[in-house]
C-alpha atoms as a PDB file:
ATOM      1  CA  UNK A   1       0.242   0.034  -0.102  1.00  0.00           C
ATOM      2  CA  UNK A   2       1.247   3.141  -0.829  1.00  0.00           C
ATOM      3  CA  UNK A   3       1.991   5.718   1.910  1.00  0.00           C
ATOM      4  CA  UNK A   4       0.501   9.021   2.186  1.00  0.00           C
ATOM      5  CA  UNK A   5       2.601  11.934   2.045  1.00  0.00           C
ATOM      6  CA  UNK A   6       2.227  14.290   5.040  1.00  0.00           C
ATOM      7  CA  UNK A   7       2.516  17.780   4.262  1.00  0.00           C
ATOM      8  CA  UNK A   8       1.615  21.188   6.039  1.00  0.00           C
ATOM      9  CA  UNK A   9      -1.648  22.634   4.469  1.00  0.00           C
ATOM     10  CA  UNK A  10      -1.478  25.140   1.461  1.00  0.00           C
ATOM     11  CA  UNK A  11      -4.601  27.587   0.709  1.00  0.00           C
ATOM     12  CA  UNK A  12      -4.999  25.574  -2.787  1.00  0.00           C
ATOM     13  CA  UNK A  13      -6.492  22.591  -0.329  1.00  0.00           C
ATOM     14  CA  UNK A  14      -9.490  24.495   0.566  1.00  0.00           C
ATOM     15  CA  UNK A  15     -11.646  22.916  -2.220  1.00  0.00           C
ATOM     16  CA  UNK A  16      -9.950  19.397  -1.807  1.00  0.00           C
ATOM     17  CA  UNK A  17     -11.135  19.879   1.945  1.00  0.00           C
ATOM     18  CA  UNK A  18     -14.316  21.373   1.653  1.00  0.00           C
ATOM     19  CA  UNK A  19     -14.868  18.102  -0.528  1.00  0.00           C
ATOM     20  CA  UNK A  20     -13.634  15.886   2.201  1.00  0.00           C
ATOM     21  CA  UNK A  21     -15.268  17.141   4.869  1.00  0.00           C
ATOM     22  CA  UNK A  22     -19.220  17.510   2.668  1.00  0.00           C
ATOM     23  CA  UNK A  23     -18.109  13.461   2.003  1.00  0.00           C
ATOM     24  CA  UNK A  24     -17.584  12.086   5.441  1.00  0.00           C
ATOM     25  CA  UNK A  25     -20.824  14.413   6.682  1.00  0.00           C
ATOM     26  CA  UNK A  26     -23.033  16.072   4.164  1.00  0.00           C
ATOM     27  CA  UNK A  27     -24.796  18.251   7.057  1.00  0.00           C
ATOM     28  CA  UNK A  28     -21.007  20.300   7.502  1.00  0.00           C
ATOM     29  CA  UNK A  29     -20.999  21.096   3.930  1.00  0.00           C
ATOM     30  CA  UNK A  30     -21.664  24.925   4.090  1.00  0.00           C
ATOM     31  CA  UNK A  31     -18.343  25.360   6.650  1.00  0.00           C
ATOM     32  CA  UNK A  32     -16.319  28.062   4.952  1.00  0.00           C
ATOM     33  CA  UNK A  33     -12.822  26.036   3.856  1.00  0.00           C
ATOM     34  CA  UNK A  34     -11.774  28.520   2.397  1.00  0.00           C
ATOM     35  CA  UNK A  35     -11.693  31.021   5.463  1.00  0.00           C
ATOM     36  CA  UNK A  36     -10.623  28.327   7.512  1.00  0.00           C
ATOM     37  CA  UNK A  37      -7.498  27.566   5.275  1.00  0.00           C
ATOM     38  CA  UNK A  38      -6.512  30.780   5.148  1.00  0.00           C
ATOM     39  CA  UNK A  39      -6.433  31.707   9.015  1.00  0.00           C
ATOM     40  CA  UNK A  40      -4.271  28.636   9.166  1.00  0.00           C
ATOM     41  CA  UNK A  41      -1.796  29.567   6.525  1.00  0.00           C
ATOM     42  CA  UNK A  42      -1.826  33.036   7.705  1.00  0.00           C
ATOM     43  CA  UNK A  43      -1.412  32.388  10.921  1.00  0.00           C
ATOM     44  CA  UNK A  44       1.603  30.098  10.927  1.00  0.00           C
ATOM     45  CA  UNK A  45       3.025  30.410  14.364  1.00  0.00           C
ATOM     46  CA  UNK A  46       0.486  29.049  16.185  1.00  0.00           C
ATOM     47  CA  UNK A  47      -1.642  26.620  14.061  1.00  0.00           C
ATOM     48  CA  UNK A  48       0.226  22.896  12.986  1.00  0.00           C
ATOM     49  CA  UNK A  49      -2.792  21.961  10.205  1.00  0.00           C
ATOM     50  CA  UNK A  50      -1.578  19.135   7.785  1.00  0.00           C
ATOM     51  CA  UNK A  51      -2.964  17.914   4.379  1.00  0.00           C
ATOM     52  CA  UNK A  52      -2.585  14.124   3.442  1.00  0.00           C
ATOM     53  CA  UNK A  53      -1.576  12.994  -0.189  1.00  0.00           C
ATOM     54  CA  UNK A  54      -1.890  10.463  -2.246  1.00  0.00           C
ATOM     55  CA  UNK A  55      -1.106  10.465  -5.863  1.00  0.00           C
ATOM     56  CA  UNK A  56      -1.115  14.488  -5.914  1.00  0.00           C
ATOM     57  CA  UNK A  57      -4.578  14.364  -4.664  1.00  0.00           C
ATOM     58  CA  UNK A  58      -5.202  15.363  -1.030  1.00  0.00           C
ATOM     59  CA  UNK A  59      -7.348  12.656   0.820  1.00  0.00           C
ATOM     60  CA  UNK A  60      -7.031  13.655   3.830  1.00  0.00           C
ATOM     61  CA  UNK A  61      -6.436  16.639   6.396  1.00  0.00           C
ATOM     62  CA  UNK A  62      -5.989  17.696  10.262  1.00  0.00           C
ATOM     63  CA  UNK A  63      -6.692  21.520  11.646  1.00  0.00           C
ATOM     64  CA  UNK A  64      -5.124  22.157  14.540  1.00  0.00           C
ATOM     65  CA  UNK A  65      -3.833  24.655  16.941  1.00  0.00           C
ATOM     66  CA  UNK A  66      -1.389  26.094  19.996  1.00  0.00           C
ATOM     67  CA  UNK A  67      -3.128  27.472  23.299  1.00  0.00           C
ATOM     68  CA  UNK A  68      -0.573  28.879  25.626  1.00  0.00           C
ATOM     69  CA  UNK A  69      -2.323  29.854  28.104  1.00  0.00           C
ATOM     70  CA  UNK A  70      -6.348  28.707  29.303  1.00  0.00           C
ATOM     71  CA  UNK A  71      -8.284  27.582  32.143  1.00  0.00           C
ATOM     72  CA  UNK A  72      -5.469  26.374  34.098  1.00  0.00           C
ATOM     73  CA  UNK A  73      -2.832  24.871  31.199  1.00  0.00           C
ATOM     74  CA  UNK A  74      -0.075  26.665  30.055  1.00  0.00           C
ATOM     75  CA  UNK A  75       0.904  25.580  26.556  1.00  0.00           C
ATOM     76  CA  UNK A  76      -1.118  22.736  24.865  1.00  0.00           C
ATOM     77  CA  UNK A  77      -2.366  21.697  21.193  1.00  0.00           C
ATOM     78  CA  UNK A  78      -5.558  21.702  20.286  1.00  0.00           C
ATOM     79  CA  UNK A  79      -6.918  19.020  17.058  1.00  0.00           C
ATOM     80  CA  UNK A  80     -10.120  21.313  15.711  1.00  0.00           C
ATOM     81  CA  UNK A  81     -10.794  19.016  12.955  1.00  0.00           C
ATOM     82  CA  UNK A  82      -9.540  15.995  10.776  1.00  0.00           C
ATOM     83  CA  UNK A  83     -10.870  14.279   7.852  1.00  0.00           C
ATOM     84  CA  UNK A  84     -10.216  11.217   5.530  1.00  0.00           C
ATOM     85  CA  UNK A  85     -11.932  10.825   2.598  1.00  0.00           C
ATOM     86  CA  UNK A  86     -14.194   7.741   2.634  1.00  0.00           C
ATOM     87  CA  UNK A  87     -12.528   6.079  -0.556  1.00  0.00           C
ATOM     88  CA  UNK A  88      -9.479   6.123   1.430  1.00  0.00           C
ATOM     89  CA  UNK A  89     -10.569   5.303   4.771  1.00  0.00           C
ATOM     90  CA  UNK A  90      -8.990   2.404   6.720  1.00  0.00           C
ATOM     91  CA  UNK A  91      -5.269   3.071   4.889  1.00  0.00           C
ATOM     92  CA  UNK A  92      -3.839   4.612   7.798  1.00  0.00           C
ATOM     93  CA  UNK A  93      -3.817   7.965   6.415  1.00  0.00           C
ATOM     94  CA  UNK A  94      -5.630   9.501  10.070  1.00  0.00           C
ATOM     95  CA  UNK A  95      -2.736   7.751  12.043  1.00  0.00           C
ATOM     96  CA  UNK A  96      -0.029   9.115   9.617  1.00  0.00           C
ATOM     97  CA  UNK A  97      -1.826  12.708  10.046  1.00  0.00           C
ATOM     98  CA  UNK A  98      -1.780  12.483  13.949  1.00  0.00           C
ATOM     99  CA  UNK A  99       1.558  10.956  13.958  1.00  0.00           C
ATOM    100  CA  UNK A 100       3.321  13.785  12.589  1.00  0.00           C
ATOM    101  CA  UNK A 101       1.172  16.419  14.347  1.00  0.00           C
ATOM    102  CA  UNK A 102       2.379  14.547  17.644  1.00  0.00           C
ATOM    103  CA  UNK A 103       5.827  14.732  16.556  1.00  0.00           C
ATOM    104  CA  UNK A 104       5.450  18.351  15.241  1.00  0.00           C
ATOM    105  CA  UNK A 105       3.864  19.447  18.911  1.00  0.00           C
ATOM    106  CA  UNK A 106       6.263  16.955  20.934  1.00  0.00           C
ATOM    107  CA  UNK A 107       9.572  18.828  19.328  1.00  0.00           C
ATOM    108  CA  UNK A 108       7.467  21.947  20.287  1.00  0.00           C
ATOM    109  CA  UNK A 109       7.343  21.217  23.410  1.00  0.00           C
ATOM    110  CA  UNK A 110       3.901  20.952  24.053  1.00  0.00           C
ATOM    111  CA  UNK A 111       3.167  18.254  26.579  1.00  0.00           C
ATOM    112  CA  UNK A 112      -0.553  17.663  25.630  1.00  0.00           C
ATOM    113  CA  UNK A 113      -3.056  17.208  22.874  1.00  0.00           C
ATOM    114  CA  UNK A 114      -6.476  17.631  23.223  1.00  0.00           C
ATOM    115  CA  UNK A 115      -9.570  17.484  21.190  1.00  0.00           C
ATOM    116  CA  UNK A 116     -13.597  17.035  21.461  1.00  0.00           C
ATOM    117  CA  UNK A 117     -15.436  14.665  20.030  1.00  0.00           C
ATOM    118  CA  UNK A 118     -19.123  13.897  19.649  1.00  0.00           C
ATOM    119  CA  UNK A 119     -20.172  12.175  22.491  1.00  0.00           C
ATOM    120  CA  UNK A 120     -22.061   9.559  19.855  1.00  0.00           C
ATOM    121  CA  UNK A 121     -19.160   9.531  17.241  1.00  0.00           C
ATOM    122  CA  UNK A 122     -17.998   6.293  17.928  1.00  0.00           C
ATOM    123  CA  UNK A 123     -15.829   5.974  14.571  1.00  0.00           C
ATOM    124  CA  UNK A 124     -14.135   9.118  15.682  1.00  0.00           C
ATOM    125  CA  UNK A 125     -13.929   8.139  19.509  1.00  0.00           C
ATOM    126  CA  UNK A 126     -12.512   4.675  18.464  1.00  0.00           C
ATOM    127  CA  UNK A 127      -9.696   6.507  16.518  1.00  0.00           C
ATOM    128  CA  UNK A 128      -8.211   8.599  18.848  1.00  0.00           C
ATOM    129  CA  UNK A 129      -8.590   5.940  21.463  1.00  0.00           C
ATOM    130  CA  UNK A 130      -6.520   4.013  19.209  1.00  0.00           C
ATOM    131  CA  UNK A 131      -4.207   7.109  19.047  1.00  0.00           C
ATOM    132  CA  UNK A 132      -4.030   6.765  23.453  1.00  0.00           C
ATOM    133  CA  UNK A 133      -6.001   9.654  24.296  1.00  0.00           C
ATOM    134  CA  UNK A 134      -8.460   9.333  26.995  1.00  0.00           C
ATOM    135  CA  UNK A 135     -11.226  11.301  29.199  1.00  0.00           C
ATOM    136  CA  UNK A 136      -9.453  14.590  29.821  1.00  0.00           C
ATOM    137  CA  UNK A 137     -10.113  17.086  32.866  1.00  0.00           C
ATOM    138  CA  UNK A 138     -11.917  19.659  30.649  1.00  0.00           C
ATOM    139  CA  UNK A 139     -16.024  19.373  30.424  1.00  0.00           C
ATOM    140  CA  UNK A 140     -17.293  20.883  27.546  1.00  0.00           C
ATOM    141  CA  UNK A 141     -19.736  23.380  28.185  1.00  0.00           C
ATOM    142  CA  UNK A 142     -22.429  25.181  25.816  1.00  0.00           C
ATOM    143  CA  UNK A 143     -25.147  27.796  25.622  1.00  0.00           C
ATOM    144  CA  UNK A 144     -27.661  28.251  22.495  1.00  0.00           C
ATOM    145  CA  UNK A 145     -27.780  31.889  21.445  1.00  0.00           C
END
């Protein structure tokens, strides 16, 4: 099986990322990924966002950021979004993205990586558990507006 190329996200990846998101979850098709990717590319220092390529085609992505203070933790990373096109799932692409993110943050001396997952997203929860993620000390809070 061919190994994906894992690289920094580029502005021109926005449409592919939007297409992947729509293929995974059609109700998320209205997310403005061009805006999100622009933020990730322009921010540079505090973000680490990756694309996975096979045969010059973006087939997966991971968007993350670094927080330097807040809610009792000094420096942490947060995985905000991850996606692998359904046609390419089961090939280790998500794992390759996650391993690279962990390497990058380890080099930046980040001690913990966090993410939020919907409680009923069994496949995503299983993925993060496979990576060694556990429940954190945080409770997600929400206020409807």
